[in-house]
Amino acid sequence: MRTNMIFLIGRYFWKIKFFLLVFVAGITISIYANDSKGLQPPHYLNSSEYVVIEGKAYPVPYPWQGKRVGNADDPKPDDLVRLPLDLTLDQSKIYVTAATKDAFVIMAEAAKEDSITLLADSGYRSPAYQKQIYKRRMKKGKDFYEVATGTAPPGYSEHMLGSTLDLVPSSFMFAKSPAQAWLQENASKFNFIESYPENNADGFFWEPWHWKYVGP
């Protein structure tokens, strides 16, 4: 009797193992379900930081966790100055700190001497403005976490520092532009850095068009 029982257990062990694997896989799939079901991957669930958009709290995902930007000394609109219109896309009104403006003007003039045109299409953005970006993209069908893949959540964007510029074109086309090649070689001379370089150690989405003034 005992021998027969051992034989039966051995015979059906692979079936038991198969059903266990299916069960575990089902749990894994449910965890990674999309946001419409209110479930997020584990690294979202572990977050103690949240962003509220239209009444719903979203856990802040990696790599933004722990990277909240700003403090009480952040520039207010009255502290900002406008970039010269000839250095902005379509002569739009873009505001940055006075030090950032002065440094960018000097850098743009140096680039122009090398036949390179540097234009900005974004500067200071408030957390409220950043939230509007999320709302617009989410209304177009993207969920919060899809947007966060390449755009900082409200409160996590360097743009609220007033020292960061998105340059034209603010897309991956910039990576192959003469302006990017010139900046890679010369930007540090003017105290600008590429905030999110390719293959950066923090895991941020590569933004070759995103440059930050870090001061002398």
N, C-alpha and C. Protein backbone atom coordinates (compact mmCIF):
# COMPACT_ATOMS: atom_id res chain seq x y z
N MET A 1 0.84 -1.21 0.00
CA MET A 1 0.00 0.00 0.00
C MET A 1 0.87 1.25 0.00
N ARG A 2 1.89 1.26 0.89
CA ARG A 2 2.77 2.43 0.98
C ARG A 2 3.53 2.64 -0.32
N THR A 3 3.97 1.53 -0.92
CA THR A 3 4.71 1.62 -2.19
C THR A 3 3.84 2.20 -3.29
N ASN A 4 2.57 1.77 -3.33
CA ASN A 4 1.64 2.29 -4.33
C ASN A 4 1.40 3.78 -4.15
N MET A 5 1.29 4.22 -2.89
CA MET A 5 1.06 5.63 -2.62
C MET A 5 2.23 6.48 -3.09
N ILE A 6 3.46 6.01 -2.79
CA ILE A 6 4.66 6.74 -3.23
C ILE A 6 4.70 6.81 -4.75
N PHE A 7 4.32 5.72 -5.40
CA PHE A 7 4.30 5.68 -6.86
C PHE A 7 3.31 6.70 -7.43
N LEU A 8 2.13 6.78 -6.80
CA LEU A 8 1.10 7.70 -7.28
C LEU A 8 1.52 9.16 -7.09
N ILE A 9 2.15 9.45 -5.94
CA ILE A 9 2.62 10.82 -5.68
C ILE A 9 3.66 11.20 -6.71
N GLY A 10 4.60 10.29 -6.97
CA GLY A 10 5.63 10.57 -7.96
C GLY A 10 5.05 10.75 -9.35
N ARG A 11 4.03 9.94 -9.67
CA ARG A 11 3.42 10.01 -10.99
C ARG A 11 2.72 11.32 -11.25
N TYR A 12 2.10 11.86 -10.20
CA TYR A 12 1.32 13.09 -10.38
C TYR A 12 2.05 14.33 -9.88
N PHE A 13 3.30 14.18 -9.43
CA PHE A 13 4.04 15.34 -8.91
C PHE A 13 4.19 16.44 -9.96
N TRP A 14 4.48 16.04 -11.22
CA TRP A 14 4.68 17.05 -12.27
C TRP A 14 3.42 17.85 -12.52
N LYS A 15 2.24 17.20 -12.36
CA LYS A 15 0.98 17.91 -12.54
C LYS A 15 0.77 18.93 -11.42
N ILE A 16 1.10 18.52 -10.20
CA ILE A 16 0.98 19.44 -9.06
C ILE A 16 1.89 20.64 -9.26
N LYS A 17 3.11 20.36 -9.73
CA LYS A 17 4.09 21.43 -9.97
C LYS A 17 3.59 22.37 -11.05
N PHE A 18 2.97 21.81 -12.10
CA PHE A 18 2.45 22.63 -13.20
C PHE A 18 1.37 23.58 -12.70
N PHE A 19 0.44 23.06 -11.89
CA PHE A 19 -0.64 23.91 -11.39
C PHE A 19 -0.12 24.98 -10.44
N LEU A 20 0.93 24.67 -9.68
CA LEU A 20 1.53 25.68 -8.81
C LEU A 20 2.15 26.80 -9.63
N LEU A 21 2.83 26.43 -10.72
CA LEU A 21 3.44 27.45 -11.59
C LEU A 21 2.38 28.34 -12.22
N VAL A 22 1.29 27.75 -12.65
CA VAL A 22 0.19 28.53 -13.23
C VAL A 22 -0.38 29.50 -12.21
N PHE A 23 -0.53 29.00 -10.96
CA PHE A 23 -1.08 29.84 -9.90
C PHE A 23 -0.18 31.03 -9.62
N VAL A 24 1.14 30.78 -9.50
CA VAL A 24 2.09 31.85 -9.25
C VAL A 24 2.12 32.84 -10.41
N ALA A 25 2.07 32.32 -11.63
CA ALA A 25 2.08 33.20 -12.80
C ALA A 25 0.86 34.09 -12.81
N GLY A 26 -0.28 33.53 -12.39
CA GLY A 26 -1.50 34.33 -12.35
C GLY A 26 -1.40 35.48 -11.37
N ILE A 27 -0.78 35.21 -10.21
CA ILE A 27 -0.58 36.27 -9.23
C ILE A 27 0.33 37.35 -9.78
N THR A 28 1.42 36.93 -10.44
CA THR A 28 2.38 37.88 -11.01
C THR A 28 1.72 38.77 -12.05
N ILE A 29 0.92 38.16 -12.92
CA ILE A 29 0.24 38.93 -13.96
C ILE A 29 -0.71 39.94 -13.34
N SER A 30 -1.42 39.53 -12.29
CA SER A 30 -2.38 40.44 -11.65
C SER A 30 -1.66 41.62 -11.01
N ILE A 31 -0.45 41.38 -10.44
CA ILE A 31 0.30 42.48 -9.83
C ILE A 31 0.71 43.50 -10.87
N TYR A 32 1.07 43.01 -12.06
CA TYR A 32 1.56 43.90 -13.10
C TYR A 32 0.44 44.41 -14.01
N ALA A 33 -0.81 44.25 -13.57
CA ALA A 33 -1.93 44.76 -14.35
C ALA A 33 -1.84 46.27 -14.48
N ASN A 34 -2.53 46.82 -15.46
CA ASN A 34 -2.38 48.26 -15.68
C ASN A 34 -3.15 49.07 -14.65
N ASP A 35 -2.92 50.40 -14.71
CA ASP A 35 -3.44 51.30 -13.68
C ASP A 35 -4.95 51.34 -13.63
N SER A 36 -5.62 50.98 -14.72
CA SER A 36 -7.08 51.06 -14.74
C SER A 36 -7.69 50.10 -13.70
N LYS A 37 -6.90 49.10 -13.27
CA LYS A 37 -7.39 48.18 -12.26
C LYS A 37 -6.86 48.53 -10.88
N GLY A 38 -6.12 49.63 -10.80
CA GLY A 38 -5.65 50.09 -9.52
C GLY A 38 -4.47 49.31 -8.97
N LEU A 39 -3.79 48.52 -9.81
CA LEU A 39 -2.66 47.73 -9.36
C LEU A 39 -1.40 48.20 -10.06
N GLN A 40 -0.29 48.17 -9.34
CA GLN A 40 0.97 48.65 -9.88
C GLN A 40 2.08 47.65 -9.59
N PRO A 41 3.16 47.68 -10.39
CA PRO A 41 4.31 46.83 -10.11
C PRO A 41 4.86 47.08 -8.71
N PRO A 42 5.56 46.10 -8.14
CA PRO A 42 6.01 46.19 -6.74
C PRO A 42 6.78 47.44 -6.40
N HIS A 43 7.64 47.96 -7.31
CA HIS A 43 8.41 49.13 -6.93
C HIS A 43 7.54 50.38 -6.82
N TYR A 44 6.33 50.35 -7.35
CA TYR A 44 5.40 51.44 -7.10
C TYR A 44 4.76 51.26 -5.72
N LEU A 45 4.40 50.01 -5.42
CA LEU A 45 3.72 49.74 -4.16
C LEU A 45 4.60 50.06 -2.96
N ASN A 46 5.92 49.99 -3.14
CA ASN A 46 6.83 50.26 -2.04
C ASN A 46 7.06 51.74 -1.80
N SER A 47 6.52 52.58 -2.65
CA SER A 47 6.77 54.01 -2.54
C SER A 47 5.96 54.61 -1.39
N SER A 48 6.62 55.51 -0.65
CA SER A 48 5.92 56.25 0.40
C SER A 48 5.62 57.67 -0.06
N GLU A 49 5.90 57.95 -1.34
CA GLU A 49 5.67 59.28 -1.92
C GLU A 49 4.51 59.20 -2.90
N TYR A 50 3.66 60.24 -2.88
CA TYR A 50 2.48 60.23 -3.72
C TYR A 50 2.30 61.57 -4.43
N VAL A 51 1.68 61.49 -5.59
CA VAL A 51 1.28 62.68 -6.33
C VAL A 51 -0.23 62.58 -6.55
N VAL A 52 -0.93 63.66 -6.26
CA VAL A 52 -2.38 63.66 -6.41
C VAL A 52 -2.77 64.40 -7.68
N ILE A 53 -3.51 63.72 -8.54
CA ILE A 53 -4.00 64.31 -9.78
C ILE A 53 -5.49 64.03 -9.88
N GLU A 54 -6.25 65.10 -9.93
CA GLU A 54 -7.71 65.02 -10.01
C GLU A 54 -8.27 64.10 -8.93
N GLY A 55 -7.79 64.29 -7.71
CA GLY A 55 -8.34 63.58 -6.56
C GLY A 55 -7.81 62.18 -6.34
N LYS A 56 -6.95 61.67 -7.24
CA LYS A 56 -6.42 60.33 -7.09
C LYS A 56 -4.94 60.38 -6.73
N ALA A 57 -4.54 59.64 -5.71
CA ALA A 57 -3.14 59.60 -5.27
C ALA A 57 -2.40 58.49 -6.00
N TYR A 58 -1.30 58.85 -6.64
CA TYR A 58 -0.48 57.88 -7.36
C TYR A 58 0.86 57.73 -6.65
N PRO A 59 1.24 56.49 -6.29
CA PRO A 59 2.59 56.29 -5.73
C PRO A 59 3.64 56.70 -6.76
N VAL A 60 4.65 57.43 -6.32
CA VAL A 60 5.69 57.90 -7.22
C VAL A 60 6.59 56.73 -7.62
N PRO A 61 6.78 56.51 -8.92
CA PRO A 61 7.56 55.35 -9.37
C PRO A 61 9.06 55.62 -9.39
N TYR A 62 9.82 54.54 -9.47
CA TYR A 62 11.24 54.61 -9.76
C TYR A 62 11.39 55.17 -11.18
N PRO A 63 12.38 56.02 -11.48
CA PRO A 63 13.47 56.45 -10.60
C PRO A 63 13.21 57.76 -9.87
N TRP A 64 11.96 58.23 -9.88
CA TRP A 64 11.66 59.53 -9.28
C TRP A 64 11.60 59.47 -7.76
N GLN A 65 11.40 58.27 -7.19
CA GLN A 65 11.32 58.15 -5.74
C GLN A 65 12.56 58.75 -5.09
N GLY A 66 12.32 59.58 -4.08
CA GLY A 66 13.43 60.19 -3.35
C GLY A 66 14.11 61.33 -4.09
N LYS A 67 13.55 61.72 -5.24
CA LYS A 67 14.17 62.76 -6.06
C LYS A 67 13.31 64.03 -6.13
N ARG A 68 12.51 64.25 -5.10
CA ARG A 68 11.68 65.46 -5.09
C ARG A 68 12.58 66.69 -5.19
N VAL A 69 12.14 67.64 -5.99
CA VAL A 69 12.95 68.83 -6.27
C VAL A 69 12.41 70.01 -5.49
N GLY A 70 13.34 70.84 -5.01
CA GLY A 70 12.91 72.12 -4.48
C GLY A 70 12.83 72.22 -2.98
N ASN A 71 12.78 73.49 -2.55
CA ASN A 71 12.65 73.83 -1.14
C ASN A 71 12.09 75.24 -1.04
N ALA A 72 12.11 75.80 0.14
CA ALA A 72 11.52 77.13 0.36
C ALA A 72 12.24 78.23 -0.41
N ASP A 73 13.49 77.94 -0.83
CA ASP A 73 14.26 78.96 -1.55
C ASP A 73 14.06 78.91 -3.06
N ASP A 74 13.17 78.04 -3.53
CA ASP A 74 12.92 77.95 -4.97
C ASP A 74 12.45 79.30 -5.50
N PRO A 75 12.80 79.61 -6.76
CA PRO A 75 12.38 80.90 -7.31
C PRO A 75 10.87 80.99 -7.44
N LYS A 76 10.36 82.18 -7.19
CA LYS A 76 8.95 82.47 -7.42
C LYS A 76 8.87 83.23 -8.74
N PRO A 77 7.69 83.28 -9.34
CA PRO A 77 7.57 84.00 -10.61
C PRO A 77 8.17 85.40 -10.60
N ASP A 78 8.06 86.11 -9.48
CA ASP A 78 8.59 87.47 -9.42
C ASP A 78 10.12 87.50 -9.40
N ASP A 79 10.75 86.36 -9.12
CA ASP A 79 12.21 86.29 -9.06
C ASP A 79 12.82 85.96 -10.42
N LEU A 80 11.98 85.62 -11.39
CA LEU A 80 12.46 85.15 -12.68
C LEU A 80 12.54 86.27 -13.72
N VAL A 81 13.38 86.05 -14.71
CA VAL A 81 13.52 87.02 -15.80
C VAL A 81 13.27 86.31 -17.12
N ARG A 82 12.93 87.08 -18.13
CA ARG A 82 12.60 86.50 -19.42
C ARG A 82 13.83 86.37 -20.30
N LEU A 83 13.94 85.25 -20.98
CA LEU A 83 15.01 85.08 -21.95
C LEU A 83 14.79 86.01 -23.13
N PRO A 84 15.86 86.46 -23.78
CA PRO A 84 15.68 87.25 -25.01
C PRO A 84 14.84 86.46 -26.02
N LEU A 85 13.91 87.12 -26.65
CA LEU A 85 12.98 86.43 -27.54
C LEU A 85 13.69 85.74 -28.70
N ASP A 86 14.84 86.29 -29.12
CA ASP A 86 15.53 85.67 -30.25
C ASP A 86 16.24 84.37 -29.86
N LEU A 87 16.18 84.02 -28.56
CA LEU A 87 16.76 82.76 -28.11
C LEU A 87 15.69 81.74 -27.72
N THR A 88 14.43 82.04 -28.08
CA THR A 88 13.34 81.13 -27.76
C THR A 88 12.59 80.71 -29.01
N LEU A 89 12.00 79.54 -28.97
CA LEU A 89 11.24 79.03 -30.10
C LEU A 89 10.01 79.90 -30.34
N ASP A 90 9.86 80.36 -31.57
CA ASP A 90 8.72 81.21 -31.96
C ASP A 90 8.61 82.45 -31.09
N GLN A 91 9.75 82.91 -30.57
CA GLN A 91 9.79 84.11 -29.73
C GLN A 91 8.80 84.03 -28.56
N SER A 92 8.72 82.83 -27.98
CA SER A 92 7.82 82.64 -26.85
C SER A 92 8.44 83.19 -25.57
N LYS A 93 7.61 83.46 -24.59
CA LYS A 93 8.06 84.04 -23.33
C LYS A 93 8.47 82.92 -22.39
N ILE A 94 9.77 82.80 -22.18
CA ILE A 94 10.32 81.76 -21.31
C ILE A 94 11.09 82.42 -20.18
N TYR A 95 10.82 81.99 -18.96
CA TYR A 95 11.42 82.62 -17.79
C TYR A 95 12.38 81.66 -17.08
N VAL A 96 13.47 82.22 -16.59
CA VAL A 96 14.48 81.48 -15.83
C VAL A 96 15.06 82.42 -14.78
N THR A 97 15.97 81.91 -13.96
CA THR A 97 16.64 82.79 -13.00
C THR A 97 17.57 83.74 -13.76
N ALA A 98 17.91 84.85 -13.14
CA ALA A 98 18.77 85.83 -13.79
C ALA A 98 20.13 85.23 -14.14
N ALA A 99 20.68 84.42 -13.23
CA ALA A 99 21.98 83.81 -13.48
C ALA A 99 21.92 82.84 -14.66
N THR A 100 20.82 82.11 -14.76
CA THR A 100 20.66 81.16 -15.86
C THR A 100 20.54 81.91 -17.19
N LYS A 101 19.78 82.99 -17.17
CA LYS A 101 19.64 83.79 -18.39
C LYS A 101 20.99 84.32 -18.86
N ASP A 102 21.75 84.91 -17.96
CA ASP A 102 23.04 85.50 -18.34
C ASP A 102 23.98 84.43 -18.91
N ALA A 103 24.00 83.26 -18.26
CA ALA A 103 24.89 82.19 -18.72
C ALA A 103 24.44 81.65 -20.08
N PHE A 104 23.14 81.52 -20.27
CA PHE A 104 22.64 80.99 -21.54
C PHE A 104 22.90 81.96 -22.68
N VAL A 105 22.73 83.25 -22.42
CA VAL A 105 23.00 84.26 -23.46
C VAL A 105 24.45 84.17 -23.90
N ILE A 106 25.36 84.07 -22.95
CA ILE A 106 26.79 83.99 -23.28
C ILE A 106 27.07 82.70 -24.05
N MET A 107 26.49 81.58 -23.61
CA MET A 107 26.72 80.31 -24.28
C MET A 107 26.15 80.31 -25.69
N ALA A 108 24.96 80.89 -25.85
CA ALA A 108 24.33 80.94 -27.17
C ALA A 108 25.16 81.79 -28.13
N GLU A 109 25.74 82.87 -27.62
CA GLU A 109 26.58 83.72 -28.47
C GLU A 109 27.84 82.98 -28.90
N ALA A 110 28.43 82.22 -27.98
CA ALA A 110 29.61 81.42 -28.32
C ALA A 110 29.26 80.35 -29.35
N ALA A 111 28.10 79.73 -29.20
CA ALA A 111 27.67 78.71 -30.15
C ALA A 111 27.44 79.33 -31.54
N LYS A 112 26.87 80.52 -31.55
CA LYS A 112 26.60 81.19 -32.82
C LYS A 112 27.88 81.46 -33.59
N GLU A 113 28.96 81.75 -32.87
CA GLU A 113 30.25 81.98 -33.52
C GLU A 113 30.75 80.72 -34.21
N ASP A 114 30.27 79.56 -33.75
CA ASP A 114 30.62 78.28 -34.38
C ASP A 114 29.51 77.80 -35.30
N SER A 115 28.62 78.73 -35.69
CA SER A 115 27.51 78.43 -36.61
C SER A 115 26.50 77.45 -36.01
N ILE A 116 26.34 77.48 -34.70
CA ILE A 116 25.38 76.63 -34.01
C ILE A 116 24.30 77.51 -33.39
N THR A 117 23.05 77.14 -33.60
CA THR A 117 21.93 77.89 -33.04
C THR A 117 21.36 77.15 -31.83
N LEU A 118 21.30 77.84 -30.71
CA LEU A 118 20.68 77.29 -29.50
C LEU A 118 19.40 78.06 -29.22
N LEU A 119 18.28 77.36 -29.21
CA LEU A 119 16.99 77.95 -28.90
C LEU A 119 16.33 77.17 -27.77
N ALA A 120 15.65 77.88 -26.90
CA ALA A 120 14.93 77.23 -25.79
C ALA A 120 13.44 77.19 -26.10
N ASP A 121 12.79 76.09 -25.71
CA ASP A 121 11.33 76.07 -25.84
C ASP A 121 10.65 75.78 -24.51
N SER A 122 11.44 75.71 -23.40
CA SER A 122 10.84 75.59 -22.08
C SER A 122 11.88 75.99 -21.04
N GLY A 123 11.42 76.68 -20.01
CA GLY A 123 12.28 77.09 -18.91
C GLY A 123 11.61 76.75 -17.59
N TYR A 124 11.31 77.78 -16.80
CA TYR A 124 10.65 77.56 -15.51
C TYR A 124 9.25 76.99 -15.72
N ARG A 125 8.93 75.94 -14.95
CA ARG A 125 7.58 75.39 -14.92
C ARG A 125 7.21 75.12 -13.47
N SER A 126 6.07 75.58 -13.06
CA SER A 126 5.61 75.35 -11.69
C SER A 126 5.06 73.92 -11.56
N PRO A 127 4.94 73.42 -10.32
CA PRO A 127 4.32 72.11 -10.13
C PRO A 127 2.90 72.06 -10.70
N ALA A 128 2.17 73.17 -10.62
CA ALA A 128 0.81 73.21 -11.17
C ALA A 128 0.84 73.04 -12.68
N TYR A 129 1.81 73.67 -13.33
CA TYR A 129 1.95 73.53 -14.78
C TYR A 129 2.31 72.08 -15.13
N GLN A 130 3.20 71.49 -14.34
CA GLN A 130 3.61 70.10 -14.58
C GLN A 130 2.41 69.17 -14.43
N LYS A 131 1.53 69.49 -13.49
CA LYS A 131 0.34 68.68 -13.30
C LYS A 131 -0.58 68.76 -14.51
N GLN A 132 -0.65 69.94 -15.12
CA GLN A 132 -1.47 70.09 -16.33
C GLN A 132 -0.94 69.23 -17.47
N ILE A 133 0.38 69.10 -17.56
CA ILE A 133 0.97 68.24 -18.59
C ILE A 133 0.46 66.81 -18.40
N TYR A 134 0.45 66.35 -17.15
CA TYR A 134 -0.03 65.00 -16.86
C TYR A 134 -1.50 64.85 -17.21
N LYS A 135 -2.29 65.84 -16.83
CA LYS A 135 -3.73 65.75 -17.10
C LYS A 135 -4.01 65.64 -18.60
N ARG A 136 -3.29 66.46 -19.38
CA ARG A 136 -3.51 66.43 -20.83
C ARG A 136 -3.15 65.08 -21.42
N ARG A 137 -2.04 64.54 -21.01
CA ARG A 137 -1.58 63.27 -21.58
C ARG A 137 -2.44 62.10 -21.10
N MET A 138 -2.91 62.18 -19.86
CA MET A 138 -3.77 61.11 -19.35
C MET A 138 -5.14 61.14 -20.02
N LYS A 139 -5.60 62.33 -20.37
CA LYS A 139 -6.88 62.43 -21.09
C LYS A 139 -6.78 61.86 -22.50
N LYS A 140 -5.55 61.80 -23.01
CA LYS A 140 -5.34 61.23 -24.34
C LYS A 140 -5.17 59.72 -24.30
N GLY A 141 -5.31 59.13 -23.11
CA GLY A 141 -5.30 57.68 -23.01
C GLY A 141 -4.12 57.07 -22.28
N LYS A 142 -3.11 57.86 -21.95
CA LYS A 142 -1.98 57.31 -21.22
C LYS A 142 -2.30 57.26 -19.73
N ASP A 143 -1.76 56.23 -19.05
CA ASP A 143 -1.94 56.23 -17.60
C ASP A 143 -0.79 56.99 -16.95
N PHE A 144 -0.91 57.23 -15.66
CA PHE A 144 0.06 58.04 -14.92
C PHE A 144 1.48 57.51 -15.11
N TYR A 145 1.63 56.19 -15.07
CA TYR A 145 2.96 55.59 -15.08
C TYR A 145 3.59 55.60 -16.47
N GLU A 146 2.78 55.59 -17.48
CA GLU A 146 3.31 55.77 -18.84
C GLU A 146 3.88 57.18 -19.00
N VAL A 147 3.17 58.16 -18.49
CA VAL A 147 3.64 59.54 -18.58
C VAL A 147 4.93 59.71 -17.77
N ALA A 148 4.97 59.08 -16.59
CA ALA A 148 6.13 59.22 -15.70
C ALA A 148 7.39 58.58 -16.26
N THR A 149 7.24 57.73 -17.27
CA THR A 149 8.42 57.11 -17.89
C THR A 149 9.37 58.17 -18.43
N GLY A 150 8.80 59.21 -19.03
CA GLY A 150 9.66 60.22 -19.64
C GLY A 150 9.42 61.65 -19.17
N THR A 151 8.50 61.83 -18.23
CA THR A 151 8.19 63.18 -17.75
C THR A 151 8.11 63.17 -16.23
N ALA A 152 8.84 64.08 -15.61
CA ALA A 152 8.87 64.14 -14.14
C ALA A 152 7.48 64.43 -13.58
N PRO A 153 7.09 63.73 -12.51
CA PRO A 153 5.82 64.03 -11.85
C PRO A 153 5.86 65.44 -11.26
N PRO A 154 4.70 66.04 -11.02
CA PRO A 154 4.67 67.36 -10.37
C PRO A 154 5.44 67.33 -9.05
N GLY A 155 6.33 68.31 -8.87
CA GLY A 155 7.16 68.35 -7.68
C GLY A 155 8.50 67.67 -7.85
N TYR A 156 8.70 67.02 -9.00
CA TYR A 156 9.94 66.28 -9.24
C TYR A 156 10.69 66.80 -10.48
N SER A 157 10.19 67.86 -11.06
CA SER A 157 10.81 68.37 -12.28
C SER A 157 11.86 69.44 -11.98
N GLU A 158 13.01 69.34 -12.62
CA GLU A 158 14.05 70.36 -12.47
C GLU A 158 13.59 71.72 -13.01
N HIS A 159 12.58 71.73 -13.84
CA HIS A 159 12.11 72.99 -14.41
C HIS A 159 11.61 73.95 -13.33
N MET A 160 11.17 73.43 -12.20
CA MET A 160 10.67 74.32 -11.16
C MET A 160 11.80 75.06 -10.45
N LEU A 161 13.07 74.71 -10.77
CA LEU A 161 14.21 75.42 -10.19
C LEU A 161 14.53 76.70 -10.95
N GLY A 162 14.01 76.81 -12.17
CA GLY A 162 14.28 78.01 -12.97
C GLY A 162 15.66 78.03 -13.58
N SER A 163 16.38 76.94 -13.46
CA SER A 163 17.76 76.88 -13.98
C SER A 163 17.90 75.85 -15.09
N THR A 164 16.78 75.33 -15.56
CA THR A 164 16.80 74.26 -16.55
C THR A 164 16.08 74.69 -17.82
N LEU A 165 16.67 74.30 -18.95
CA LEU A 165 16.09 74.64 -20.26
C LEU A 165 15.92 73.38 -21.10
N ASP A 166 14.79 73.31 -21.80
CA ASP A 166 14.64 72.34 -22.88
C ASP A 166 14.99 73.06 -24.17
N LEU A 167 15.89 72.47 -24.94
CA LEU A 167 16.34 73.11 -26.16
C LEU A 167 15.65 72.50 -27.38
N VAL A 168 15.72 73.23 -28.48
CA VAL A 168 15.01 72.87 -29.70
C VAL A 168 15.91 72.02 -30.60
N PRO A 169 15.37 70.88 -31.10
CA PRO A 169 14.04 70.31 -30.84
C PRO A 169 14.06 69.49 -29.55
N SER A 170 13.02 69.62 -28.74
CA SER A 170 12.97 68.91 -27.46
C SER A 170 12.43 67.50 -27.69
N SER A 171 13.22 66.71 -28.41
CA SER A 171 12.90 65.33 -28.74
C SER A 171 14.21 64.60 -29.00
N PHE A 172 14.11 63.32 -29.34
CA PHE A 172 15.34 62.56 -29.59
C PHE A 172 16.06 63.03 -30.84
N MET A 173 15.40 63.82 -31.66
CA MET A 173 16.08 64.40 -32.81
C MET A 173 17.27 65.25 -32.36
N PHE A 174 17.16 65.80 -31.15
CA PHE A 174 18.22 66.66 -30.65
C PHE A 174 19.53 65.89 -30.47
N ALA A 175 19.42 64.59 -30.17
CA ALA A 175 20.61 63.78 -29.92
C ALA A 175 21.57 63.76 -31.11
N LYS A 176 21.03 63.88 -32.31
CA LYS A 176 21.85 63.82 -33.52
C LYS A 176 22.10 65.20 -34.12
N SER A 177 21.71 66.24 -33.39
CA SER A 177 21.83 67.59 -33.93
C SER A 177 23.23 68.16 -33.72
N PRO A 178 23.63 69.12 -34.58
CA PRO A 178 24.91 69.81 -34.37
C PRO A 178 24.96 70.51 -33.01
N ALA A 179 23.80 70.98 -32.54
CA ALA A 179 23.75 71.66 -31.24
C ALA A 179 24.16 70.71 -30.11
N GLN A 180 23.68 69.47 -30.16
CA GLN A 180 24.04 68.51 -29.11
C GLN A 180 25.53 68.20 -29.14
N ALA A 181 26.07 68.02 -30.33
CA ALA A 181 27.51 67.75 -30.44
C ALA A 181 28.32 68.92 -29.88
N TRP A 182 27.87 70.14 -30.17
CA TRP A 182 28.58 71.32 -29.67
C TRP A 182 28.48 71.40 -28.15
N LEU A 183 27.30 71.13 -27.61
CA LEU A 183 27.11 71.19 -26.15
C LEU A 183 27.93 70.13 -25.43
N GLN A 184 28.01 68.96 -25.98
CA GLN A 184 28.81 67.91 -25.35
C GLN A 184 30.26 68.35 -25.18
N GLU A 185 30.72 69.13 -26.11
CA GLU A 185 32.11 69.58 -26.07
C GLU A 185 32.30 70.87 -25.28
N ASN A 186 31.27 71.73 -25.27
CA ASN A 186 31.46 73.09 -24.75
C ASN A 186 30.60 73.51 -23.56
N ALA A 187 29.50 72.82 -23.30
CA ALA A 187 28.54 73.29 -22.29
C ALA A 187 29.17 73.47 -20.91
N SER A 188 30.07 72.59 -20.54
CA SER A 188 30.68 72.68 -19.21
C SER A 188 31.47 73.98 -19.01
N LYS A 189 31.93 74.56 -20.10
CA LYS A 189 32.67 75.82 -20.01
C LYS A 189 31.76 76.95 -19.53
N PHE A 190 30.46 76.76 -19.73
CA PHE A 190 29.48 77.78 -19.35
C PHE A 190 28.63 77.31 -18.16
N ASN A 191 29.08 76.22 -17.53
CA ASN A 191 28.44 75.68 -16.32
C ASN A 191 27.04 75.11 -16.58
N PHE A 192 26.86 74.53 -17.75
CA PHE A 192 25.64 73.79 -18.06
C PHE A 192 25.97 72.30 -18.12
N ILE A 193 25.03 71.48 -17.65
CA ILE A 193 25.19 70.04 -17.73
C ILE A 193 23.94 69.41 -18.34
N GLU A 194 24.11 68.25 -18.92
CA GLU A 194 22.98 67.45 -19.41
C GLU A 194 22.46 66.66 -18.21
N SER A 195 21.28 67.01 -17.73
CA SER A 195 20.78 66.43 -16.48
C SER A 195 20.57 64.93 -16.54
N TYR A 196 20.04 64.45 -17.68
CA TYR A 196 19.69 63.04 -17.79
C TYR A 196 20.38 62.44 -19.01
N PRO A 197 21.70 62.21 -18.91
CA PRO A 197 22.45 61.69 -20.05
C PRO A 197 22.09 60.24 -20.36
N GLU A 198 22.51 59.79 -21.50
CA GLU A 198 22.25 58.42 -21.93
C GLU A 198 22.90 57.44 -20.96
N ASN A 199 22.15 56.37 -20.62
CA ASN A 199 22.65 55.32 -19.74
C ASN A 199 23.10 55.85 -18.38
N ASN A 200 22.36 56.83 -17.85
CA ASN A 200 22.74 57.40 -16.56
C ASN A 200 22.50 56.39 -15.43
N ALA A 201 23.30 56.51 -14.39
CA ALA A 201 23.29 55.54 -13.30
C ALA A 201 21.99 55.54 -12.49
N ASP A 202 21.24 56.65 -12.51
CA ASP A 202 20.00 56.74 -11.74
C ASP A 202 18.80 56.11 -12.43
N GLY A 203 18.96 55.73 -13.69
CA GLY A 203 17.87 55.10 -14.41
C GLY A 203 16.87 56.06 -15.02
N PHE A 204 17.22 57.33 -15.13
CA PHE A 204 16.31 58.30 -15.74
C PHE A 204 16.27 58.13 -17.26
N PHE A 205 15.12 58.43 -17.81
CA PHE A 205 14.92 58.45 -19.24
C PHE A 205 15.89 59.46 -19.87
N TRP A 206 16.57 59.07 -20.92
CA TRP A 206 17.54 59.96 -21.57
C TRP A 206 16.83 61.16 -22.19
N GLU A 207 17.27 62.37 -21.83
CA GLU A 207 16.73 63.60 -22.39
C GLU A 207 17.88 64.47 -22.91
N PRO A 208 18.34 64.23 -24.13
CA PRO A 208 19.48 64.98 -24.66
C PRO A 208 19.21 66.47 -24.81
N TRP A 209 17.95 66.87 -24.83
CA TRP A 209 17.58 68.28 -25.02
C TRP A 209 17.50 69.06 -23.70
N HIS A 210 17.66 68.37 -22.57
CA HIS A 210 17.40 68.94 -21.24
C HIS A 210 18.73 69.34 -20.59
N TRP A 211 18.95 70.66 -20.46
CA TRP A 211 20.23 71.16 -19.94
C TRP A 211 20.00 72.09 -18.75
N LYS A 212 20.88 71.94 -17.77
CA LYS A 212 20.71 72.66 -16.49
C LYS A 212 21.94 73.52 -16.19
N TYR A 213 21.67 74.74 -15.77
CA TYR A 213 22.75 75.63 -15.32
C TYR A 213 23.05 75.32 -13.86
N VAL A 214 24.32 75.01 -13.57
CA VAL A 214 24.69 74.61 -12.21
C VAL A 214 25.53 75.66 -11.50
N GLY A 215 25.77 76.79 -12.14
CA GLY A 215 26.51 77.87 -11.50
C GLY A 215 28.00 77.67 -11.59
N PRO A 216 28.75 78.74 -11.30
CA PRO A 216 30.22 78.68 -11.41
C PRO A 216 30.83 77.79 -10.32
